[in-house]
Amino acid sequence: MDIAKLLSSAHLSHEPAFLHEAVHHASEAELEALVLALLERGDNEPSYQRLLHFQALACLSALPAHSPLLPRLHATLLTLFPPQHFYETELLGMAGSALVEPVQNLLLQTDTADTSRWQAGLHTLLHIGGEQAMNALHRLLEWLRSREEFTAIVQPLQDEWLEGWKSRRFPPERFARDVLVPIFGATPRLLLRDLSGSLSGLQYLSHLAQLKIYESPELTSIQALHGHPNLRQVQLVGCPRLRDATIFTTLPRLELLDLARCPGLYDIDVLACLSPHIELNLWFSRSLKGLHRLSGLTELSCDALEDAAELAQLPGLKRLFLDGYSYSDGTHMPRPRNLHVLSTLSGLESLTLRDLTLDTLAVLAPLTRLKELHLYGCQPFTDLSPLTALSELETLSITDSLIEDIRPLAELPRLRKLSLSLNTRIKRLDMLPHVETLDISGCTNLDLQALQAVLRSSSLKELFIGENRGELDYAALPPNIDIRQ
């Protein structure tokens, strides 16, 4: 090993990679010579001292137990601790179990009021990993729990705790039981990303009510959730290797199941066994068939529905979201056929349609229980008069359409929230006597002078104006209207 070459470039890199060869391939004598050289160069060059001394500490794991350099390295740790940058923590992590006891002792001698020092020490142990670090973390957390600074110390490290669990530097079940439970035990919500393998250990977080897992292509099992007593909402996005949907049938309190790009979980036969009161969202599936087997369902959101006729078999639906703009495996999915079937869903209270072809709104007229209606990019309808039958409607969104005349909306007695954003053909806004919240952002051809006259005699409380903001005469508007962009 060329010690002189390593030493000459040591100050140029914050990365520990150049040390790996020395730690794993150098002889005992060569390694001790390198460590000594790093320490001495650091002593002589103050501007690089911390970096060079941390690099010397990184070699601890490969030094023999009888090395005469150990006392000096331990003394060096006392002067350097705590690490101030990630690369310093990473270098300490290379030292491995040899640093566990010294770091633990340093923390036990540190006042808990010094939260930053405690956090740096715990982060170092998380980076070291292994059984000894696990034991130290467990002991330190048990010791901290009776101190009033416990929350102030551990909460800012939430991402690091979760990274320690998912990195598999520790036995996941024990780490979850001994580390995550004391920290997250009462936490009702958890967001995880980029997981692999299984969720082993999460079963111990019994207070968990909402779990979101995003972009985890290597996650293969969620068996740890089996029978979880308190999970109410589960959202899985981008978990293509998951296969067993029966897990969801074992969750006694499940209220919402949201699946996106999880093709192995779109098993309608299994999902049909779920409680009919569960809100079910199925996104980016390749194709959805057999929805009629979910006959008791009350809330459904989905794309990739080939034939809307299947919805006729869901008489209990109260909330429905159909998206006609779906991509799965890079392929644009066709929009569903037979949208006229929507007229048979008389129990609907909320309906959202996005990027679906609607020639007429007459199909919606029979839905007299609707309280919310959202139409996003659903063209080419132009006539709003069929909506006058929806006397219970309270919230209406019509975005990016071809409508010009909104006068029929004045006949909706309960309408309080109205969004007309991105409707570039609307030129005049007529009196809307009951509307309290109005969004006209993106209505670029709207006559703002006429609008001001309408606003002065309306019951409006909140107006979203978008890019037209600077063209309004604010002095002429009623002072009770909150103008927002």
Foldseek 3Di string as FASTA:
>chain_A
DPLVVCLVCQLVDLALVVCPCVLPPNDQVSLVVNLVSLQVVLVVDVVSNLSSLLLSLLSQLRHDPPDPCVVVNLVVCVVNADPDDPSSLLSNLSNAPVCQVSLLVVLVPDDVVPLVRLLSSLLSLLSNADDSSLVSQLVVLVVCLVPPCSCVNCVVCVVSLVCSLQVVSYPNQSSLQRPVCSHCLQPQEDEEEQHAEENHNCLNSLNHAEYEYEQHCRYAYDCSLALRAHHAYYAYENHQNYADLLSQLNHPRHAEYAYENHQNNLDLVNVLSHDQNHAYEYAQHCADPDVLSVQSHAHYEYERYAACLSCLSNQNHAEYEYEQAHAHPNDTHHGHPDPLSLLNNQNYQEYHYECAEDQECLSVLSNQNHQYYAYHNHDDHADPQSCLSNQNHAEYEDAQYAYADPVNQLSRPRHAYYEYALHCNHAEDDANARYAEYEHANNVNYDQVNVLVNQQPHNYQEYEHHPCVVVHDVVSHDPNHHYHD
